[in-house]
Amino acid sequence: VSEADLLWDLASRLEGRMAAIGMETFL
């Protein structure tokens, strides 16, 4: 697994939680 993949996965997990709570999220 690459460093970029790990950071993308972490960003996706954070984005999912923020969106579920009603925040407007952008990458």
PDB file of all heavy atoms in Angstrom:
ATOM      1  N   VAL A   1       0.852  -1.183   0.000  1.00  0.00           N
ATOM      2  CA  VAL A   1       0.000   0.000   0.000  1.00  0.00           C
ATOM      3  C   VAL A   1       0.891   1.236   0.000  1.00  0.00           C
ATOM      4  O   VAL A   1       1.949   1.254   0.631  1.00  0.00           O
ATOM      5  CB  VAL A   1      -0.951   0.000   1.232  1.00  0.00           C
ATOM      6  CG1 VAL A   1      -0.166   0.011   2.528  1.00  0.00           C
ATOM      7  CG2 VAL A   1      -1.922   1.165   1.181  1.00  0.00           C
ATOM      8  N   SER A   2       0.489   2.243  -0.746  1.00  0.00           N
ATOM      9  CA  SER A   2       1.299   3.453  -0.857  1.00  0.00           C
ATOM     10  C   SER A   2       0.874   4.485   0.184  1.00  0.00           C
ATOM     11  O   SER A   2      -0.242   4.446   0.716  1.00  0.00           O
ATOM     12  CB  SER A   2       1.173   4.059  -2.255  1.00  0.00           C
ATOM     13  OG  SER A   2      -0.110   4.651  -2.434  1.00  0.00           O
ATOM     14  N   GLU A   3       1.781   5.410   0.434  1.00  0.00           N
ATOM     15  CA  GLU A   3       1.492   6.532   1.334  1.00  0.00           C
ATOM     16  C   GLU A   3       0.278   7.316   0.836  1.00  0.00           C
ATOM     17  O   GLU A   3      -0.595   7.702   1.619  1.00  0.00           O
ATOM     18  CB  GLU A   3       2.731   7.427   1.383  1.00  0.00           C
ATOM     19  CG  GLU A   3       2.683   8.585   2.334  1.00  0.00           C
ATOM     20  CD  GLU A   3       3.959   9.401   2.276  1.00  0.00           C
ATOM     21  OE1 GLU A   3       4.999   8.864   1.848  1.00  0.00           O
ATOM     22  OE2 GLU A   3       3.910  10.577   2.661  1.00  0.00           O
ATOM     23  N   ALA A   4       0.211   7.519  -0.500  1.00  0.00           N
ATOM     24  CA  ALA A   4      -0.927   8.241  -1.077  1.00  0.00           C
ATOM     25  C   ALA A   4      -2.235   7.500  -0.822  1.00  0.00           C
ATOM     26  O   ALA A   4      -3.268   8.116  -0.527  1.00  0.00           O
ATOM     27  CB  ALA A   4      -0.716   8.448  -2.574  1.00  0.00           C
ATOM     28  N   ASP A   5      -2.202   6.171  -0.930  1.00  0.00           N
ATOM     29  CA  ASP A   5      -3.419   5.371  -0.687  1.00  0.00           C
ATOM     30  C   ASP A   5      -3.875   5.495   0.763  1.00  0.00           C
ATOM     31  O   ASP A   5      -5.079   5.613   1.045  1.00  0.00           O
ATOM     32  CB  ASP A   5      -3.158   3.897  -1.014  1.00  0.00           C
ATOM     33  CG  ASP A   5      -3.001   3.652  -2.505  1.00  0.00           C
ATOM     34  OD1 ASP A   5      -3.503   4.471  -3.291  1.00  0.00           O
ATOM     35  OD2 ASP A   5      -2.362   2.647  -2.869  1.00  0.00           O
ATOM     36  N   LEU A   6      -2.923   5.466   1.697  1.00  0.00           N
ATOM     37  CA  LEU A   6      -3.261   5.577   3.114  1.00  0.00           C
ATOM     38  C   LEU A   6      -3.896   6.932   3.418  1.00  0.00           C
ATOM     39  O   LEU A   6      -4.897   7.020   4.144  1.00  0.00           O
ATOM     40  CB  LEU A   6      -2.012   5.380   3.971  1.00  0.00           C
ATOM     41  CG  LEU A   6      -1.420   3.968   4.014  1.00  0.00           C
ATOM     42  CD1 LEU A   6      -0.079   3.972   4.735  1.00  0.00           C
ATOM     43  CD2 LEU A   6      -2.387   3.001   4.703  1.00  0.00           C
ATOM     44  N   LEU A   7      -3.326   7.995   2.845  1.00  0.00           N
ATOM     45  CA  LEU A   7      -3.860   9.335   3.096  1.00  0.00           C
ATOM     46  C   LEU A   7      -5.233   9.510   2.442  1.00  0.00           C
ATOM     47  O   LEU A   7      -6.118  10.154   3.007  1.00  0.00           O
ATOM     48  CB  LEU A   7      -2.876  10.389   2.589  1.00  0.00           C
ATOM     49  CG  LEU A   7      -1.558  10.466   3.366  1.00  0.00           C
ATOM     50  CD1 LEU A   7      -0.564  11.374   2.657  1.00  0.00           C
ATOM     51  CD2 LEU A   7      -1.791  10.960   4.794  1.00  0.00           C
ATOM     52  N   TRP A   8      -5.400   8.925   1.250  1.00  0.00           N
ATOM     53  CA  TRP A   8      -6.707   8.994   0.586  1.00  0.00           C
ATOM     54  C   TRP A   8      -7.768   8.257   1.398  1.00  0.00           C
ATOM     55  O   TRP A   8      -8.892   8.740   1.556  1.00  0.00           O
ATOM     56  CB  TRP A   8      -6.604   8.418  -0.822  1.00  0.00           C
ATOM     57  CG  TRP A   8      -7.893   8.494  -1.575  1.00  0.00           C
ATOM     58  CD1 TRP A   8      -8.845   7.528  -1.691  1.00  0.00           C
ATOM     59  CD2 TRP A   8      -8.400   9.623  -2.295  1.00  0.00           C
ATOM     60  NE1 TRP A   8      -9.906   7.966  -2.438  1.00  0.00           N
ATOM     61  CE2 TRP A   8      -9.664   9.251  -2.827  1.00  0.00           C
ATOM     62  CE3 TRP A   8      -7.909  10.900  -2.563  1.00  0.00           C
ATOM     63  CZ2 TRP A   8     -10.429  10.110  -3.597  1.00  0.00           C
ATOM     64  CZ3 TRP A   8      -8.679  11.767  -3.323  1.00  0.00           C
ATOM     65  CH2 TRP A   8      -9.919  11.378  -3.833  1.00  0.00           C
ATOM     66  N   ASP A   9      -7.398   7.081   1.918  1.00  0.00           N
ATOM     67  CA  ASP A   9      -8.340   6.301   2.724  1.00  0.00           C
ATOM     68  C   ASP A   9      -8.699   7.052   4.006  1.00  0.00           C
ATOM     69  O   ASP A   9      -9.875   7.098   4.400  1.00  0.00           O
ATOM     70  CB  ASP A   9      -7.722   4.947   3.071  1.00  0.00           C
ATOM     71  CG  ASP A   9      -8.652   4.092   3.923  1.00  0.00           C
ATOM     72  OD1 ASP A   9      -9.561   3.458   3.363  1.00  0.00           O
ATOM     73  OD2 ASP A   9      -8.481   4.093   5.160  1.00  0.00           O
ATOM     74  N   LEU A  10      -7.709   7.658   4.646  1.00  0.00           N
ATOM     75  CA  LEU A  10      -7.984   8.420   5.869  1.00  0.00           C
ATOM     76  C   LEU A  10      -8.893   9.606   5.559  1.00  0.00           C
ATOM     77  O   LEU A  10      -9.851   9.885   6.303  1.00  0.00           O
ATOM     78  CB  LEU A  10      -6.664   8.904   6.486  1.00  0.00           C
ATOM     79  CG  LEU A  10      -6.773   9.828   7.700  1.00  0.00           C
ATOM     80  CD1 LEU A  10      -7.564   9.176   8.833  1.00  0.00           C
ATOM     81  CD2 LEU A  10      -5.377  10.231   8.192  1.00  0.00           C
ATOM     82  N   ALA A  11      -8.614  10.308   4.455  1.00  0.00           N
ATOM     83  CA  ALA A  11      -9.462  11.438   4.060  1.00  0.00           C
ATOM     84  C   ALA A  11     -10.892  10.972   3.786  1.00  0.00           C
ATOM     85  O   ALA A  11     -11.860  11.653   4.147  1.00  0.00           O
ATOM     86  CB  ALA A  11      -8.873  12.129   2.828  1.00  0.00           C
ATOM     87  N   SER A  12     -11.045   9.809   3.156  1.00  0.00           N
ATOM     88  CA  SER A  12     -12.382   9.282   2.853  1.00  0.00           C
ATOM     89  C   SER A  12     -13.143   8.930   4.126  1.00  0.00           C
ATOM     90  O   SER A  12     -14.352   9.173   4.230  1.00  0.00           O
ATOM     91  CB  SER A  12     -12.260   8.051   1.953  1.00  0.00           C
ATOM     92  OG  SER A  12     -11.631   8.386   0.725  1.00  0.00           O
ATOM     93  N   ARG A  13     -12.432   8.352   5.109  1.00  0.00           N
ATOM     94  CA  ARG A  13     -13.082   8.026   6.382  1.00  0.00           C
ATOM     95  C   ARG A  13     -13.525   9.304   7.100  1.00  0.00           C
ATOM     96  O   ARG A  13     -14.616   9.358   7.682  1.00  0.00           O
ATOM     97  CB  ARG A  13     -12.127   7.219   7.260  1.00  0.00           C
ATOM     98  CG  ARG A  13     -11.864   5.818   6.749  1.00  0.00           C
ATOM     99  CD  ARG A  13     -10.722   5.117   7.491  1.00  0.00           C
ATOM    100  NE  ARG A  13     -10.333   3.895   6.804  1.00  0.00           N
ATOM    101  CZ  ARG A  13     -10.749   2.669   7.136  1.00  0.00           C
ATOM    102  NH1 ARG A  13     -11.566   2.510   8.177  1.00  0.00           N
ATOM    103  NH2 ARG A  13     -10.349   1.621   6.448  1.00  0.00           N
ATOM    104  N   LEU A  14     -12.683  10.324   7.060  1.00  0.00           N
ATOM    105  CA  LEU A  14     -13.037  11.597   7.692  1.00  0.00           C
ATOM    106  C   LEU A  14     -14.186  12.259   6.947  1.00  0.00           C
ATOM    107  O   LEU A  14     -15.139  12.763   7.565  1.00  0.00           O
ATOM    108  CB  LEU A  14     -11.811  12.510   7.721  1.00  0.00           C
ATOM    109  CG  LEU A  14     -11.997  13.902   8.329  1.00  0.00           C
ATOM    110  CD1 LEU A  14     -12.500  13.812   9.764  1.00  0.00           C
ATOM    111  CD2 LEU A  14     -10.684  14.694   8.272  1.00  0.00           C
ATOM    112  N   GLU A  15     -14.133  12.235   5.613  1.00  0.00           N
ATOM    113  CA  GLU A  15     -15.202  12.826   4.809  1.00  0.00           C
ATOM    114  C   GLU A  15     -16.535  12.143   5.081  1.00  0.00           C
ATOM    115  O   GLU A  15     -17.577  12.799   5.212  1.00  0.00           O
ATOM    116  CB  GLU A  15     -14.853  12.719   3.325  1.00  0.00           C
ATOM    117  CG  GLU A  15     -15.902  13.346   2.417  1.00  0.00           C
ATOM    118  CD  GLU A  15     -15.685  13.019   0.961  1.00  0.00           C
ATOM    119  OE1 GLU A  15     -15.121  11.947   0.667  1.00  0.00           O
ATOM    120  OE2 GLU A  15     -16.093  13.821   0.103  1.00  0.00           O
ATOM    121  N   GLY A  16     -16.534  10.813   5.169  1.00  0.00           N
ATOM    122  CA  GLY A  16     -17.769  10.078   5.419  1.00  0.00           C
ATOM    123  C   GLY A  16     -18.404  10.451   6.742  1.00  0.00           C
ATOM    124  O   GLY A  16     -19.634  10.634   6.833  1.00  0.00           O
ATOM    125  N   ARG A  17     -17.599  10.571   7.774  1.00  0.00           N
ATOM    126  CA  ARG A  17     -18.124  10.934   9.095  1.00  0.00           C
ATOM    127  C   ARG A  17     -18.639  12.372   9.110  1.00  0.00           C
ATOM    128  O   ARG A  17     -19.677  12.668   9.709  1.00  0.00           O
ATOM    129  CB  ARG A  17     -17.041  10.733  10.157  1.00  0.00           C
ATOM    130  CG  ARG A  17     -16.807   9.266  10.508  1.00  0.00           C
ATOM    131  CD  ARG A  17     -15.492   9.068  11.254  1.00  0.00           C
ATOM    132  NE  ARG A  17     -15.391   7.707  11.764  1.00  0.00           N
ATOM    133  CZ  ARG A  17     -15.072   6.649  11.014  1.00  0.00           C
ATOM    134  NH1 ARG A  17     -14.822   6.810   9.715  1.00  0.00           N
ATOM    135  NH2 ARG A  17     -14.982   5.441  11.566  1.00  0.00           N
ATOM    136  N   MET A  18     -17.906  13.273   8.455  1.00  0.00           N
ATOM    137  CA  MET A  18     -18.347  14.665   8.423  1.00  0.00           C
ATOM    138  C   MET A  18     -19.647  14.810   7.634  1.00  0.00           C
ATOM    139  O   MET A  18     -20.552  15.554   8.040  1.00  0.00           O
ATOM    140  CB  MET A  18     -17.248  15.540   7.814  1.00  0.00           C
ATOM    141  CG  MET A  18     -16.061  15.759   8.740  1.00  0.00           C
ATOM    142  SD  MET A  18     -14.834  16.897   8.046  1.00  0.00           S
ATOM    143  CE  MET A  18     -13.870  17.272   9.523  1.00  0.00           C
ATOM    144  N   ALA A  19     -19.754  14.099   6.506  1.00  0.00           N
ATOM    145  CA  ALA A  19     -20.975  14.168   5.700  1.00  0.00           C
ATOM    146  C   ALA A  19     -22.165  13.595   6.468  1.00  0.00           C
ATOM    147  O   ALA A  19     -23.276  14.134   6.413  1.00  0.00           O
ATOM    148  CB  ALA A  19     -20.781  13.415   4.384  1.00  0.00           C
ATOM    149  N   ALA A  20     -21.933  12.516   7.215  1.00  0.00           N
ATOM    150  CA  ALA A  20     -23.017  11.897   7.988  1.00  0.00           C
ATOM    151  C   ALA A  20     -23.541  12.828   9.066  1.00  0.00           C
ATOM    152  O   ALA A  20     -24.716  12.753   9.450  1.00  0.00           O
ATOM    153  CB  ALA A  20     -22.522  10.593   8.621  1.00  0.00           C
ATOM    154  N   ILE A  21     -22.705  13.717   9.518  1.00  0.00           N
ATOM    155  CA  ILE A  21     -23.108  14.618  10.595  1.00  0.00           C
ATOM    156  C   ILE A  21     -23.705  15.909  10.041  1.00  0.00           C
ATOM    157  O   ILE A  21     -24.143  16.781  10.796  1.00  0.00           O
ATOM    158  CB  ILE A  21     -21.896  14.890  11.514  1.00  0.00           C
ATOM    159  CG1 ILE A  21     -22.310  14.961  12.981  1.00  0.00           C
ATOM    160  CG2 ILE A  21     -21.146  16.147  11.118  1.00  0.00           C
ATOM    161  CD1 ILE A  21     -21.141  14.823  13.943  1.00  0.00           C
ATOM    162  N   GLY A  22     -23.714  16.016   8.684  1.00  0.00           N
ATOM    163  CA  GLY A  22     -24.358  17.160   8.050  1.00  0.00           C
ATOM    164  C   GLY A  22     -23.427  18.245   7.563  1.00  0.00           C
ATOM    165  O   GLY A  22     -23.893  19.307   7.136  1.00  0.00           O
ATOM    166  N   MET A  23     -22.127  17.988   7.571  1.00  0.00           N
ATOM    167  CA  MET A  23     -21.182  18.999   7.101  1.00  0.00           C
ATOM    168  C   MET A  23     -21.047  18.928   5.586  1.00  0.00           C
ATOM    169  O   MET A  23     -21.219  17.872   4.975  1.00  0.00           O
ATOM    170  CB  MET A  23     -19.807  18.789   7.751  1.00  0.00           C
ATOM    171  CG  MET A  23     -19.841  18.817   9.267  1.00  0.00           C
ATOM    172  SD  MET A  23     -18.225  18.500  10.033  1.00  0.00           S
ATOM    173  CE  MET A  23     -17.454  20.096   9.854  1.00  0.00           C
ATOM    174  N   GLU A  24     -20.766  20.062   4.964  1.00  0.00           N
ATOM    175  CA  GLU A  24     -20.446  20.094   3.538  1.00  0.00           C
ATOM    176  C   GLU A  24     -18.959  19.809   3.395  1.00  0.00           C
ATOM    177  O   GLU A  24     -18.128  20.574   3.879  1.00  0.00           O
ATOM    178  CB  GLU A  24     -20.759  21.464   2.940  1.00  0.00           C
ATOM    179  CG  GLU A  24     -22.225  21.797   2.854  1.00  0.00           C
ATOM    180  CD  GLU A  24     -22.422  23.106   2.115  1.00  0.00           C
ATOM    181  OE1 GLU A  24     -22.114  23.172   0.903  1.00  0.00           O
ATOM    182  OE2 GLU A  24     -22.851  24.077   2.758  1.00  0.00           O
ATOM    183  N   THR A  25     -18.635  18.707   2.732  1.00  0.00           N
ATOM    184  CA  THR A  25     -17.232  18.308   2.629  1.00  0.00           C
ATOM    185  C   THR A  25     -16.765  18.324   1.182  1.00  0.00           C
ATOM    186  O   THR A  25     -17.521  17.997   0.260  1.00  0.00           O
ATOM    187  CB  THR A  25     -17.013  16.907   3.209  1.00  0.00           C
ATOM    188  OG1 THR A  25     -17.857  15.976   2.529  1.00  0.00           O
ATOM    189  CG2 THR A  25     -17.337  16.878   4.699  1.00  0.00           C
ATOM    190  N   PHE A  26     -15.509  18.700   0.997  1.00  0.00           N
ATOM    191  CA  PHE A  26     -14.880  18.721  -0.317  1.00  0.00           C
ATOM    192  C   PHE A  26     -13.480  18.127  -0.175  1.00  0.00           C
ATOM    193  O   PHE A  26     -12.817  18.319   0.843  1.00  0.00           O
ATOM    194  CB  PHE A  26     -14.755  20.154  -0.847  1.00  0.00           C
ATOM    195  CG  PHE A  26     -16.062  20.886  -0.972  1.00  0.00           C
ATOM    196  CD1 PHE A  26     -16.622  21.527   0.131  1.00  0.00           C
ATOM    197  CD2 PHE A  26     -16.728  20.945  -2.180  1.00  0.00           C
ATOM    198  CE1 PHE A  26     -17.820  22.211   0.038  1.00  0.00           C
ATOM    199  CE2 PHE A  26     -17.934  21.624  -2.286  1.00  0.00           C
ATOM    200  CZ  PHE A  26     -18.484  22.259  -1.183  1.00  0.00           C
ATOM    201  N   LEU A  27     -13.040  17.431  -1.199  1.00  0.00           N
ATOM    202  CA  LEU A  27     -11.660  16.958  -1.257  1.00  0.00           C
ATOM    203  C   LEU A  27     -10.861  17.894  -2.150  1.00  0.00           C
ATOM    204  O   LEU A  27     -11.375  18.401  -3.160  1.00  0.00           O
ATOM    205  CB  LEU A  27     -11.596  15.527  -1.792  1.00  0.00           C
ATOM    206  CG  LEU A  27     -12.164  14.449  -0.862  1.00  0.00           C
ATOM    207  CD1 LEU A  27     -12.198  13.099  -1.567  1.00  0.00           C
ATOM    208  CD2 LEU A  27     -11.351  14.342   0.423  1.00  0.00           C
TER     209      LEU A  27
END
